[in-house]
Amino acid sequence: MDLKQQILVALGLDKQEEVSLEFQAKLEDGTIIVSTAASLEAGVDVSVLTEDGTTMLLPVGEYKTEDGQGFSVEVEGVVAELYEKEEEEVVEEEATEETEKEEMNEEITEEVEETEAVEFDSVAFMDEVKSVVVDLMSNVNTEIETLKSELAELKSTNEELSSEKEKLSAQVVELSNEPAANPVDINKFSALGKELSKSDIAKMSKRERILYNITK
């Protein structure tokens, strides 16, 4: 028994009765639907073809064929209304575009937030670097001032030493030019083998004190 004959038997139609089954399609979920009408239109019969070759009226609900044709059934086995494919496609396209726009807006928002966060971190980092540099410069300036003060003290000390040196040199020249009343025996200071007392040193002349300091 061929498919057409199986459908006729399932529908309870006389085998001898001339019946034309013109329409057959598959729904999105794979269910096969059939109709005696040439095409799927409002008001035509529609049934489900089962695996064993029998048919059953298509239950109430909304359906869509594999080629995108949507329709509704308000009374079992009868097509109530067909949905325009173009309208559905436009709605789907608009929904897809809207979804894409939302996703794009979310991505842009995330990028802007990330950029703002990076810029904020950069500003905070630069402020921190600036603060560190200011502190370092302050410390350097303090150290420079300290070095300047120490150099000034060293210069002053050096000038004092130079002045004392000049005075000593002048005294040495003066003493060397001064004739001694009695020759001073330098060796006598070495022969003493001991430190002279302050009273003994006080009795010496300037020249004797210098010679004593040289030989002791």
N, C-alpha and C. Protein backbone atom coordinates (compact mmCIF):
# COMPACT_ATOMS: atom_id res chain seq x y z
N MET A 1 0.85 -1.19 0.00
CA MET A 1 0.00 0.00 0.00
C MET A 1 0.90 1.25 0.00
N ASP A 2 0.65 2.12 -0.97
CA ASP A 2 1.48 3.31 -1.05
C ASP A 2 1.03 4.35 -0.02
N LEU A 3 1.83 5.44 0.09
CA LEU A 3 1.58 6.47 1.10
C LEU A 3 0.20 7.09 0.93
N LYS A 4 -0.19 7.36 -0.32
CA LYS A 4 -1.49 7.97 -0.57
C LYS A 4 -2.61 7.07 -0.10
N GLN A 5 -2.46 5.78 -0.37
CA GLN A 5 -3.50 4.83 0.02
C GLN A 5 -3.58 4.73 1.53
N GLN A 6 -2.37 4.78 2.21
CA GLN A 6 -2.35 4.71 3.68
C GLN A 6 -3.08 5.91 4.28
N ILE A 7 -2.86 7.07 3.68
CA ILE A 7 -3.52 8.27 4.19
C ILE A 7 -5.02 8.17 4.01
N LEU A 8 -5.46 7.66 2.87
CA LEU A 8 -6.91 7.51 2.62
C LEU A 8 -7.54 6.57 3.63
N VAL A 9 -6.85 5.49 3.93
CA VAL A 9 -7.38 4.52 4.90
C VAL A 9 -7.43 5.15 6.28
N ALA A 10 -6.34 5.89 6.63
CA ALA A 10 -6.30 6.51 7.96
C ALA A 10 -7.39 7.55 8.12
N LEU A 11 -7.75 8.22 7.02
CA LEU A 11 -8.79 9.24 7.08
C LEU A 11 -10.19 8.62 7.02
N GLY A 12 -10.24 7.32 6.83
CA GLY A 12 -11.54 6.64 6.78
C GLY A 12 -12.26 6.86 5.48
N LEU A 13 -11.61 7.17 4.43
CA LEU A 13 -12.22 7.43 3.14
C LEU A 13 -12.31 6.12 2.35
N ASP A 14 -13.36 6.04 1.52
CA ASP A 14 -13.52 4.85 0.69
C ASP A 14 -12.38 4.76 -0.30
N LYS A 15 -11.83 3.57 -0.45
CA LYS A 15 -10.71 3.38 -1.36
C LYS A 15 -11.09 3.73 -2.79
N GLN A 16 -12.40 3.53 -3.10
CA GLN A 16 -12.82 3.76 -4.46
C GLN A 16 -13.14 5.23 -4.71
N GLU A 17 -13.22 5.98 -3.55
CA GLU A 17 -13.57 7.40 -3.71
C GLU A 17 -12.36 8.16 -4.20
N GLU A 18 -12.59 9.01 -5.17
CA GLU A 18 -11.49 9.77 -5.76
C GLU A 18 -11.14 10.92 -4.82
N VAL A 19 -9.99 10.84 -4.15
CA VAL A 19 -9.53 11.86 -3.23
C VAL A 19 -8.12 12.28 -3.64
N SER A 20 -7.88 13.58 -3.66
CA SER A 20 -6.57 14.10 -4.07
C SER A 20 -5.87 14.70 -2.85
N LEU A 21 -4.73 14.13 -2.50
CA LEU A 21 -3.88 14.68 -1.43
C LEU A 21 -2.75 15.44 -2.09
N GLU A 22 -2.93 16.74 -2.10
CA GLU A 22 -2.00 17.58 -2.85
C GLU A 22 -0.84 18.14 -2.02
N PHE A 23 -1.05 18.30 -0.71
CA PHE A 23 -0.05 19.03 0.07
C PHE A 23 0.61 18.13 1.12
N GLN A 24 1.92 18.28 1.21
CA GLN A 24 2.69 17.58 2.24
C GLN A 24 3.88 18.46 2.62
N ALA A 25 4.14 18.60 3.89
CA ALA A 25 5.27 19.42 4.34
C ALA A 25 5.77 18.89 5.67
N LYS A 26 6.90 19.42 6.07
CA LYS A 26 7.50 18.99 7.34
C LYS A 26 7.65 20.22 8.24
N LEU A 27 7.25 20.06 9.51
CA LEU A 27 7.38 21.14 10.47
C LEU A 27 8.83 21.26 10.96
N GLU A 28 9.11 22.31 11.70
CA GLU A 28 10.47 22.55 12.19
C GLU A 28 10.98 21.40 13.06
N ASP A 29 10.05 20.75 13.80
CA ASP A 29 10.48 19.65 14.67
C ASP A 29 10.53 18.32 13.95
N GLY A 30 10.30 18.31 12.64
CA GLY A 30 10.39 17.08 11.85
C GLY A 30 9.06 16.39 11.63
N THR A 31 7.99 16.88 12.24
CA THR A 31 6.67 16.27 12.06
C THR A 31 6.16 16.51 10.63
N ILE A 32 5.62 15.43 10.02
CA ILE A 32 5.08 15.55 8.65
C ILE A 32 3.60 15.88 8.72
N ILE A 33 3.19 16.92 7.97
CA ILE A 33 1.77 17.27 7.91
C ILE A 33 1.29 17.09 6.47
N VAL A 34 -0.03 16.75 6.34
CA VAL A 34 -0.62 16.54 5.01
C VAL A 34 -1.97 17.25 4.94
N SER A 35 -2.40 17.52 3.72
CA SER A 35 -3.71 18.16 3.51
C SER A 35 -4.22 17.76 2.14
N THR A 36 -5.56 17.74 2.04
CA THR A 36 -6.16 17.45 0.74
C THR A 36 -6.14 18.68 -0.15
N ALA A 37 -5.83 19.84 0.44
CA ALA A 37 -5.76 21.07 -0.34
C ALA A 37 -4.43 21.14 -1.09
N ALA A 38 -4.43 21.94 -2.14
CA ALA A 38 -3.22 22.06 -2.95
C ALA A 38 -2.13 22.83 -2.24
N SER A 39 -2.52 23.67 -1.33
CA SER A 39 -1.53 24.47 -0.59
C SER A 39 -2.07 24.74 0.81
N LEU A 40 -1.16 25.17 1.66
CA LEU A 40 -1.54 25.45 3.04
C LEU A 40 -2.17 26.84 3.10
N GLU A 41 -3.49 26.86 3.35
CA GLU A 41 -4.21 28.13 3.40
C GLU A 41 -5.17 28.11 4.57
N ALA A 42 -5.69 29.26 4.91
CA ALA A 42 -6.66 29.35 5.98
C ALA A 42 -7.93 28.59 5.59
N GLY A 43 -8.43 27.73 6.51
CA GLY A 43 -9.66 26.99 6.28
C GLY A 43 -9.47 25.60 5.73
N VAL A 44 -8.27 25.23 5.26
CA VAL A 44 -8.06 23.89 4.70
C VAL A 44 -7.78 22.91 5.82
N ASP A 45 -8.00 21.60 5.51
CA ASP A 45 -7.72 20.57 6.51
C ASP A 45 -6.22 20.33 6.63
N VAL A 46 -5.79 19.91 7.80
CA VAL A 46 -4.37 19.60 8.02
C VAL A 46 -4.29 18.51 9.07
N SER A 47 -3.48 17.52 8.78
CA SER A 47 -3.34 16.37 9.67
C SER A 47 -1.86 16.03 9.83
N VAL A 48 -1.58 15.20 10.83
CA VAL A 48 -0.22 14.71 11.09
C VAL A 48 -0.12 13.30 10.57
N LEU A 49 0.94 13.03 9.79
CA LEU A 49 1.19 11.68 9.30
C LEU A 49 2.15 11.00 10.26
N THR A 50 1.67 9.91 10.92
CA THR A 50 2.48 9.22 11.91
C THR A 50 3.42 8.23 11.24
N GLU A 51 4.29 7.62 12.05
CA GLU A 51 5.29 6.69 11.51
C GLU A 51 4.65 5.42 10.96
N ASP A 52 3.51 5.03 11.51
CA ASP A 52 2.87 3.80 11.03
C ASP A 52 1.95 4.04 9.84
N GLY A 53 1.94 5.26 9.32
CA GLY A 53 1.16 5.56 8.13
C GLY A 53 -0.24 6.07 8.40
N THR A 54 -0.62 6.12 9.67
CA THR A 54 -1.94 6.65 9.99
C THR A 54 -1.85 8.16 10.16
N THR A 55 -3.00 8.82 10.22
CA THR A 55 -3.02 10.27 10.39
C THR A 55 -3.87 10.64 11.59
N MET A 56 -3.59 11.82 12.11
CA MET A 56 -4.38 12.38 13.20
C MET A 56 -4.48 13.87 12.98
N LEU A 57 -5.61 14.42 13.39
CA LEU A 57 -5.81 15.85 13.19
C LEU A 57 -4.74 16.63 13.94
N LEU A 58 -4.24 17.68 13.30
CA LEU A 58 -3.20 18.51 13.93
C LEU A 58 -3.81 19.27 15.09
N PRO A 59 -3.23 19.13 16.31
CA PRO A 59 -3.81 19.79 17.49
C PRO A 59 -3.77 21.31 17.39
N VAL A 60 -4.54 21.95 18.26
CA VAL A 60 -4.58 23.41 18.32
C VAL A 60 -3.20 23.94 18.73
N GLY A 61 -2.77 25.00 18.07
CA GLY A 61 -1.48 25.59 18.39
C GLY A 61 -0.93 26.42 17.23
N GLU A 62 0.30 26.87 17.38
CA GLU A 62 0.98 27.62 16.34
C GLU A 62 2.16 26.81 15.84
N TYR A 63 2.34 26.80 14.52
CA TYR A 63 3.36 25.95 13.91
C TYR A 63 4.12 26.73 12.83
N LYS A 64 5.25 26.11 12.44
CA LYS A 64 6.03 26.69 11.35
C LYS A 64 6.70 25.56 10.59
N THR A 65 6.58 25.64 9.24
CA THR A 65 7.20 24.62 8.41
C THR A 65 8.69 24.89 8.26
N GLU A 66 9.39 23.90 7.71
CA GLU A 66 10.84 24.03 7.55
C GLU A 66 11.22 25.21 6.66
N ASP A 67 10.35 25.54 5.71
CA ASP A 67 10.67 26.67 4.82
C ASP A 67 10.26 28.01 5.41
N GLY A 68 9.81 28.02 6.71
CA GLY A 68 9.54 29.27 7.39
C GLY A 68 8.11 29.74 7.35
N GLN A 69 7.19 28.93 6.81
CA GLN A 69 5.78 29.34 6.76
C GLN A 69 5.12 29.07 8.11
N GLY A 70 4.66 30.12 8.75
CA GLY A 70 3.99 29.96 10.04
C GLY A 70 2.48 29.94 9.87
N PHE A 71 1.80 29.19 10.75
CA PHE A 71 0.33 29.15 10.71
C PHE A 71 -0.18 28.73 12.08
N SER A 72 -1.46 28.97 12.27
CA SER A 72 -2.08 28.63 13.55
C SER A 72 -3.26 27.70 13.31
N VAL A 73 -3.56 26.90 14.36
CA VAL A 73 -4.70 25.98 14.33
C VAL A 73 -5.53 26.27 15.58
N GLU A 74 -6.77 26.74 15.37
CA GLU A 74 -7.65 27.05 16.49
C GLU A 74 -8.69 25.95 16.70
N VAL A 75 -8.97 25.19 15.62
CA VAL A 75 -9.83 24.01 15.70
C VAL A 75 -9.02 22.85 15.14
N GLU A 76 -8.98 21.72 15.86
CA GLU A 76 -8.14 20.60 15.45
C GLU A 76 -8.37 20.24 13.99
N GLY A 77 -7.27 20.13 13.26
CA GLY A 77 -7.33 19.69 11.88
C GLY A 77 -7.69 20.76 10.89
N VAL A 78 -7.80 22.02 11.30
CA VAL A 78 -8.19 23.10 10.38
C VAL A 78 -7.22 24.27 10.55
N VAL A 79 -6.66 24.73 9.43
CA VAL A 79 -5.77 25.88 9.47
C VAL A 79 -6.59 27.14 9.71
N ALA A 80 -6.25 27.88 10.75
CA ALA A 80 -7.01 29.10 11.08
C ALA A 80 -6.41 30.32 10.38
N GLU A 81 -5.09 30.45 10.43
CA GLU A 81 -4.46 31.66 9.87
C GLU A 81 -3.02 31.36 9.49
N LEU A 82 -2.60 31.96 8.39
CA LEU A 82 -1.21 31.86 7.96
C LEU A 82 -0.49 33.18 8.29
N TYR A 83 0.73 33.06 8.72
CA TYR A 83 1.53 34.25 9.01
C TYR A 83 2.39 34.56 7.80
N GLU A 84 2.49 35.83 7.50
CA GLU A 84 3.33 36.24 6.37
C GLU A 84 4.80 35.96 6.68
N LYS A 85 5.47 35.31 5.76
CA LYS A 85 6.89 34.99 5.94
C LYS A 85 7.73 36.26 6.05
N GLU A 86 7.41 37.21 5.18
CA GLU A 86 8.23 38.42 5.13
C GLU A 86 8.17 39.16 6.46
N GLU A 87 6.94 39.23 7.02
CA GLU A 87 6.79 39.93 8.29
C GLU A 87 7.60 39.25 9.37
N GLU A 88 7.53 37.91 9.39
CA GLU A 88 8.29 37.18 10.40
C GLU A 88 9.79 37.37 10.20
N GLU A 89 10.22 37.32 8.92
CA GLU A 89 11.64 37.51 8.65
C GLU A 89 12.10 38.89 9.06
N VAL A 90 11.24 39.90 8.76
CA VAL A 90 11.60 41.27 9.14
C VAL A 90 11.70 41.38 10.65
N VAL A 91 10.73 40.76 11.36
CA VAL A 91 10.76 40.80 12.82
C VAL A 91 12.03 40.13 13.34
N GLU A 92 12.36 38.97 12.75
CA GLU A 92 13.57 38.27 13.18
C GLU A 92 14.81 39.08 12.89
N GLU A 93 14.84 39.70 11.68
CA GLU A 93 15.99 40.52 11.33
C GLU A 93 16.11 41.72 12.28
N GLU A 94 14.95 42.34 12.56
CA GLU A 94 14.98 43.49 13.48
C GLU A 94 15.44 43.06 14.87
N ALA A 95 14.95 41.88 15.29
CA ALA A 95 15.36 41.38 16.60
C ALA A 95 16.86 41.10 16.62
N THR A 96 17.34 40.50 15.49
CA THR A 96 18.77 40.22 15.40
C THR A 96 19.59 41.49 15.40
N GLU A 97 19.14 42.48 14.61
CA GLU A 97 19.85 43.76 14.57
C GLU A 97 19.84 44.44 15.93
N GLU A 98 18.68 44.36 16.60
CA GLU A 98 18.59 44.98 17.93
C GLU A 98 19.54 44.29 18.90
N THR A 99 19.59 42.96 18.81
CA THR A 99 20.51 42.22 19.68
C THR A 99 21.95 42.59 19.39
N GLU A 100 22.28 42.68 18.09
CA GLU A 100 23.64 43.06 17.71
C GLU A 100 23.98 44.46 18.21
N LYS A 101 22.99 45.37 18.09
CA LYS A 101 23.22 46.74 18.56
C LYS A 101 23.47 46.76 20.07
N GLU A 102 22.64 45.98 20.80
CA GLU A 102 22.81 45.93 22.25
C GLU A 102 24.17 45.37 22.62
N GLU A 103 24.58 44.29 21.91
CA GLU A 103 25.89 43.70 22.19
C GLU A 103 27.00 44.69 21.87
N MET A 104 26.84 45.42 20.74
CA MET A 104 27.85 46.40 20.36
C MET A 104 27.92 47.52 21.40
N ASN A 105 26.72 47.98 21.84
CA ASN A 105 26.70 49.04 22.85
C ASN A 105 27.36 48.58 24.14
N GLU A 106 27.10 47.31 24.51
CA GLU A 106 27.72 46.77 25.72
C GLU A 106 29.24 46.73 25.56
N GLU A 107 29.71 46.29 24.37
CA GLU A 107 31.16 46.24 24.14
C GLU A 107 31.77 47.63 24.20
N ILE A 108 31.07 48.60 23.56
CA ILE A 108 31.58 49.98 23.56
C ILE A 108 31.63 50.52 24.99
N THR A 109 30.55 50.24 25.76
CA THR A 109 30.50 50.70 27.16
C THR A 109 31.64 50.10 27.96
N GLU A 110 31.89 48.79 27.76
CA GLU A 110 32.99 48.14 28.48
C GLU A 110 34.32 48.74 28.09
N GLU A 111 34.52 49.01 26.78
CA GLU A 111 35.78 49.59 26.33
C GLU A 111 35.97 50.99 26.92
N VAL A 112 34.86 51.76 26.95
CA VAL A 112 34.96 53.12 27.51
C VAL A 112 35.31 53.04 28.99
N GLU A 113 34.64 52.12 29.71
CA GLU A 113 34.92 51.98 31.14
C GLU A 113 36.36 51.56 31.37
N GLU A 114 36.85 50.61 30.53
CA GLU A 114 38.24 50.17 30.67
C GLU A 114 39.20 51.32 30.38
N THR A 115 38.87 52.11 29.32
CA THR A 115 39.72 53.25 28.97
C THR A 115 39.74 54.27 30.10
N GLU A 116 38.55 54.57 30.66
CA GLU A 116 38.48 55.53 31.76
C GLU A 116 39.26 55.02 32.96
N ALA A 117 39.16 53.70 33.22
CA ALA A 117 39.90 53.13 34.35
C ALA A 117 41.39 53.26 34.13
N VAL A 118 41.84 52.99 32.88
CA VAL A 118 43.27 53.11 32.57
C VAL A 118 43.72 54.55 32.71
N GLU A 119 42.90 55.49 32.20
CA GLU A 119 43.25 56.90 32.30
C GLU A 119 43.31 57.33 33.77
N PHE A 120 42.36 56.84 34.58
CA PHE A 120 42.36 57.18 36.00
C PHE A 120 43.61 56.64 36.67
N ASP A 121 43.95 55.38 36.34
CA ASP A 121 45.16 54.78 36.92
C ASP A 121 46.39 55.56 36.49
N SER A 122 46.42 56.01 35.25
CA SER A 122 47.56 56.77 34.74
C SER A 122 47.70 58.09 35.49
N VAL A 123 46.57 58.77 35.70
CA VAL A 123 46.60 60.06 36.43
C VAL A 123 47.09 59.83 37.86
N ALA A 124 46.55 58.78 38.51
CA ALA A 124 46.97 58.48 39.88
C ALA A 124 48.46 58.15 39.93
N PHE A 125 48.91 57.38 38.93
CA PHE A 125 50.34 57.01 38.88
C PHE A 125 51.21 58.24 38.69
N MET A 126 50.79 59.15 37.80
CA MET A 126 51.58 60.35 37.55
C MET A 126 51.61 61.24 38.78
N ASP A 127 50.48 61.33 39.50
CA ASP A 127 50.45 62.12 40.73
C ASP A 127 51.41 61.53 41.76
N GLU A 128 51.42 60.20 41.85
CA GLU A 128 52.32 59.55 42.80
C GLU A 128 53.78 59.79 42.44
N VAL A 129 54.09 59.67 41.13
CA VAL A 129 55.45 59.93 40.67
C VAL A 129 55.86 61.37 40.97
N LYS A 130 54.94 62.31 40.72
CA LYS A 130 55.22 63.72 40.97
C LYS A 130 55.51 63.95 42.45
N SER A 131 54.73 63.31 43.32
CA SER A 131 54.94 63.46 44.76
C SER A 131 56.30 62.93 45.18
N VAL A 132 56.68 61.77 44.62
CA VAL A 132 57.99 61.18 44.94
C VAL A 132 59.11 62.09 44.46
N VAL A 133 58.97 62.64 43.25
CA VAL A 133 60.00 63.53 42.70
C VAL A 133 60.15 64.78 43.56
N VAL A 134 59.02 65.34 44.01
CA VAL A 134 59.06 66.54 44.86
C VAL A 134 59.80 66.24 46.17
N ASP A 135 59.49 65.07 46.76
CA ASP A 135 60.17 64.69 48.00
C ASP A 135 61.67 64.53 47.77
N LEU A 136 62.04 63.88 46.68
CA LEU A 136 63.46 63.67 46.37
C LEU A 136 64.17 65.01 46.17
N MET A 137 63.53 65.92 45.44
CA MET A 137 64.15 67.23 45.19
C MET A 137 64.31 67.99 46.49
N SER A 138 63.32 67.87 47.39
CA SER A 138 63.41 68.54 48.68
C SER A 138 64.59 68.01 49.48
N ASN A 139 64.75 66.67 49.47
CA ASN A 139 65.88 66.06 50.17
C ASN A 139 67.21 66.48 49.55
N VAL A 140 67.25 66.52 48.22
CA VAL A 140 68.48 66.91 47.52
C VAL A 140 68.84 68.36 47.85
N ASN A 141 67.84 69.23 47.86
CA ASN A 141 68.10 70.64 48.18
C ASN A 141 68.64 70.78 49.60
N THR A 142 68.05 70.00 50.52
CA THR A 142 68.52 70.04 51.91
C THR A 142 69.98 69.59 52.00
N GLU A 143 70.30 68.50 51.30
CA GLU A 143 71.67 68.00 51.32
C GLU A 143 72.64 69.00 50.67
N ILE A 144 72.18 69.66 49.62
CA ILE A 144 73.04 70.66 48.97
C ILE A 144 73.33 71.81 49.93
N GLU A 145 72.31 72.27 50.64
CA GLU A 145 72.51 73.36 51.60
C GLU A 145 73.47 72.93 52.71
N THR A 146 73.34 71.66 53.15
CA THR A 146 74.25 71.15 54.19
C THR A 146 75.68 71.13 53.69
N LEU A 147 75.87 70.66 52.45
CA LEU A 147 77.21 70.61 51.86
C LEU A 147 77.78 72.02 51.71
N LYS A 148 76.94 72.95 51.31
CA LYS A 148 77.41 74.33 51.18
C LYS A 148 77.90 74.86 52.53
N SER A 149 77.13 74.57 53.59
CA SER A 149 77.51 75.02 54.93
C SER A 149 78.82 74.40 55.37
N GLU A 150 78.96 73.08 55.09
CA GLU A 150 80.20 72.40 55.47
C GLU A 150 81.39 72.94 54.68
N LEU A 151 81.18 73.21 53.40
CA LEU A 151 82.26 73.77 52.57
C LEU A 151 82.66 75.15 53.07
N ALA A 152 81.67 75.93 53.49
CA ALA A 152 81.97 77.26 54.01
C ALA A 152 82.81 77.17 55.28
N GLU A 153 82.44 76.18 56.15
CA GLU A 153 83.21 75.99 57.39
C GLU A 153 84.64 75.55 57.06
N LEU A 154 84.78 74.62 56.11
CA LEU A 154 86.12 74.16 55.72
C LEU A 154 86.94 75.30 55.14
N LYS A 155 86.30 76.15 54.35
CA LYS A 155 87.00 77.29 53.76
C LYS A 155 87.48 78.25 54.85
N SER A 156 86.60 78.47 55.82
CA SER A 156 86.96 79.37 56.92
C SER A 156 88.12 78.78 57.72
N THR A 157 88.05 77.46 57.99
CA THR A 157 89.13 76.79 58.72
C THR A 157 90.43 76.85 57.94
N ASN A 158 90.34 76.63 56.63
CA ASN A 158 91.53 76.67 55.78
C ASN A 158 92.15 78.07 55.79
N GLU A 159 91.30 79.09 55.78
CA GLU A 159 91.82 80.46 55.82
C GLU A 159 92.50 80.75 57.14
N GLU A 160 91.93 80.23 58.24
CA GLU A 160 92.54 80.42 59.55
C GLU A 160 93.89 79.73 59.62
N LEU A 161 93.94 78.49 59.08
CA LEU A 161 95.20 77.75 59.08
C LEU A 161 96.25 78.47 58.23
N SER A 162 95.82 79.00 57.10
CA SER A 162 96.76 79.73 56.25
C SER A 162 97.28 80.97 56.97
N SER A 163 96.38 81.63 57.71
CA SER A 163 96.81 82.82 58.45
C SER A 163 97.80 82.45 59.54
N GLU A 164 97.54 81.33 60.26
CA GLU A 164 98.46 80.89 61.31
C GLU A 164 99.80 80.49 60.71
N LYS A 165 99.74 79.84 59.55
CA LYS A 165 100.97 79.43 58.89
C LYS A 165 101.81 80.64 58.53
N GLU A 166 101.13 81.67 58.01
CA GLU A 166 101.86 82.89 57.64
C GLU A 166 102.47 83.53 58.87
N LYS A 167 101.74 83.54 59.99
CA LYS A 167 102.27 84.12 61.23
C LYS A 167 103.50 83.36 61.71
N LEU A 168 103.41 82.02 61.70
CA LEU A 168 104.54 81.19 62.13
C LEU A 168 105.74 81.40 61.23
N SER A 169 105.48 81.50 59.93
CA SER A 169 106.58 81.72 58.99
C SER A 169 107.27 83.06 59.27
N ALA A 170 106.44 84.06 59.58
CA ALA A 170 107.00 85.38 59.89
C ALA A 170 107.82 85.34 61.17
N GLN A 171 107.33 84.56 62.17
CA GLN A 171 108.08 84.44 63.42
C GLN A 171 109.41 83.73 63.22
N VAL A 172 109.35 82.66 62.39
CA VAL A 172 110.59 81.91 62.11
C VAL A 172 111.61 82.82 61.45
N VAL A 173 111.14 83.62 60.46
CA VAL A 173 112.05 84.54 59.78
C VAL A 173 112.61 85.56 60.76
N GLU A 174 111.71 86.04 61.62
CA GLU A 174 112.14 87.05 62.60
C GLU A 174 113.17 86.49 63.56
N LEU A 175 112.92 85.26 64.02
CA LEU A 175 113.86 84.63 64.97
C LEU A 175 115.18 84.28 64.30
N SER A 176 115.09 83.87 63.05
CA SER A 176 116.33 83.50 62.36
C SER A 176 117.22 84.71 62.13
N ASN A 177 116.59 85.87 62.01
CA ASN A 177 117.37 87.08 61.79
C ASN A 177 117.84 87.72 63.11
N GLU A 178 117.27 87.24 64.23
CA GLU A 178 117.64 87.82 65.52
C GLU A 178 118.92 87.17 66.04
N PRO A 179 119.98 87.96 66.32
CA PRO A 179 121.23 87.37 66.82
C PRO A 179 121.05 86.89 68.25
N ALA A 180 121.64 85.79 68.54
CA ALA A 180 121.56 85.22 69.89
C ALA A 180 122.64 85.83 70.77
N ALA A 181 122.27 86.23 71.99
CA ALA A 181 123.26 86.80 72.93
C ALA A 181 124.29 85.74 73.28
N ASN A 182 123.79 84.56 73.52
CA ASN A 182 124.68 83.44 73.78
C ASN A 182 124.26 82.30 72.89
N PRO A 183 125.19 81.63 72.27
CA PRO A 183 124.83 80.51 71.40
C PRO A 183 124.05 79.47 72.19
N VAL A 184 123.01 79.00 71.59
CA VAL A 184 122.16 77.99 72.24
C VAL A 184 122.61 76.62 71.80
N ASP A 185 122.88 75.80 72.77
CA ASP A 185 123.29 74.44 72.46
C ASP A 185 122.05 73.57 72.30
N ILE A 186 121.78 73.23 71.08
CA ILE A 186 120.58 72.43 70.79
C ILE A 186 120.67 71.07 71.43
N ASN A 187 121.89 70.55 71.46
CA ASN A 187 122.05 69.19 71.95
C ASN A 187 121.74 69.05 73.43
N LYS A 188 121.80 70.22 74.14
CA LYS A 188 121.56 70.12 75.58
C LYS A 188 120.13 69.71 75.88
N PHE A 189 119.22 70.11 74.97
CA PHE A 189 117.82 69.72 75.18
C PHE A 189 117.63 68.23 74.95
N SER A 190 118.39 67.69 73.97
CA SER A 190 118.30 66.26 73.68
C SER A 190 118.95 65.46 74.77
N ALA A 191 120.03 66.05 75.36
CA ALA A 191 120.76 65.32 76.38
C ALA A 191 120.00 65.23 77.68
N LEU A 192 119.00 66.08 77.86
CA LEU A 192 118.26 66.06 79.11
C LEU A 192 117.50 64.75 79.27
N GLY A 193 116.98 64.29 78.15
CA GLY A 193 116.25 63.01 78.18
C GLY A 193 114.96 63.06 78.94
N LYS A 194 114.46 64.25 79.24
CA LYS A 194 113.20 64.36 79.96
C LYS A 194 112.50 65.65 79.55
N GLU A 195 111.22 65.69 79.88
CA GLU A 195 110.44 66.88 79.59
C GLU A 195 110.80 67.97 80.58
N LEU A 196 110.94 69.20 80.08
CA LEU A 196 111.21 70.32 80.97
C LEU A 196 109.91 70.79 81.58
N SER A 197 110.04 71.36 82.75
CA SER A 197 108.85 71.88 83.42
C SER A 197 108.45 73.20 82.77
N LYS A 198 107.22 73.60 83.09
CA LYS A 198 106.72 74.85 82.54
C LYS A 198 107.58 76.03 83.00
N SER A 199 108.07 75.96 84.22
CA SER A 199 108.90 77.06 84.72
C SER A 199 110.23 77.16 83.96
N ASP A 200 110.80 75.99 83.63
CA ASP A 200 112.04 75.98 82.86
C ASP A 200 111.80 76.53 81.46
N ILE A 201 110.67 76.10 80.87
CA ILE A 201 110.35 76.57 79.51
C ILE A 201 110.08 78.06 79.52
N ALA A 202 109.46 78.54 80.61
CA ALA A 202 109.16 79.97 80.70
C ALA A 202 110.42 80.82 80.74
N LYS A 203 111.50 80.26 81.28
CA LYS A 203 112.76 80.99 81.37
C LYS A 203 113.46 81.11 80.02
N MET A 204 113.04 80.29 79.03
CA MET A 204 113.68 80.28 77.72
C MET A 204 113.24 81.47 76.91
N SER A 205 114.09 81.80 75.97
CA SER A 205 113.71 82.81 74.99
C SER A 205 112.82 82.16 73.94
N LYS A 206 112.23 82.97 73.07
CA LYS A 206 111.38 82.42 72.01
C LYS A 206 112.15 81.43 71.16
N ARG A 207 113.39 81.79 70.83
CA ARG A 207 114.19 80.92 69.96
C ARG A 207 114.49 79.61 70.65
N GLU A 208 114.76 79.64 71.96
CA GLU A 208 115.05 78.42 72.68
C GLU A 208 113.81 77.52 72.75
N ARG A 209 112.67 78.14 72.95
CA ARG A 209 111.45 77.34 73.02
C ARG A 209 111.20 76.63 71.67
N ILE A 210 111.44 77.38 70.55
CA ILE A 210 111.24 76.77 69.24
C ILE A 210 112.21 75.62 69.03
N LEU A 211 113.45 75.84 69.38
CA LEU A 211 114.46 74.79 69.20
C LEU A 211 114.16 73.60 70.10
N TYR A 212 113.67 73.88 71.30
CA TYR A 212 113.32 72.79 72.24
C TYR A 212 112.18 71.94 71.68
N ASN A 213 111.20 72.61 71.14
CA ASN A 213 110.07 71.88 70.55
C ASN A 213 110.47 71.05 69.35
N ILE A 214 111.50 71.56 68.59
CA ILE A 214 111.97 70.83 67.43
C ILE A 214 112.74 69.59 67.83
N THR A 215 113.52 69.68 68.88
CA THR A 215 114.43 68.57 69.25
C THR A 215 113.86 67.60 70.24
N LYS A 216 112.76 67.92 70.89
CA LYS A 216 112.27 67.02 71.93
C LYS A 216 111.60 65.77 71.31
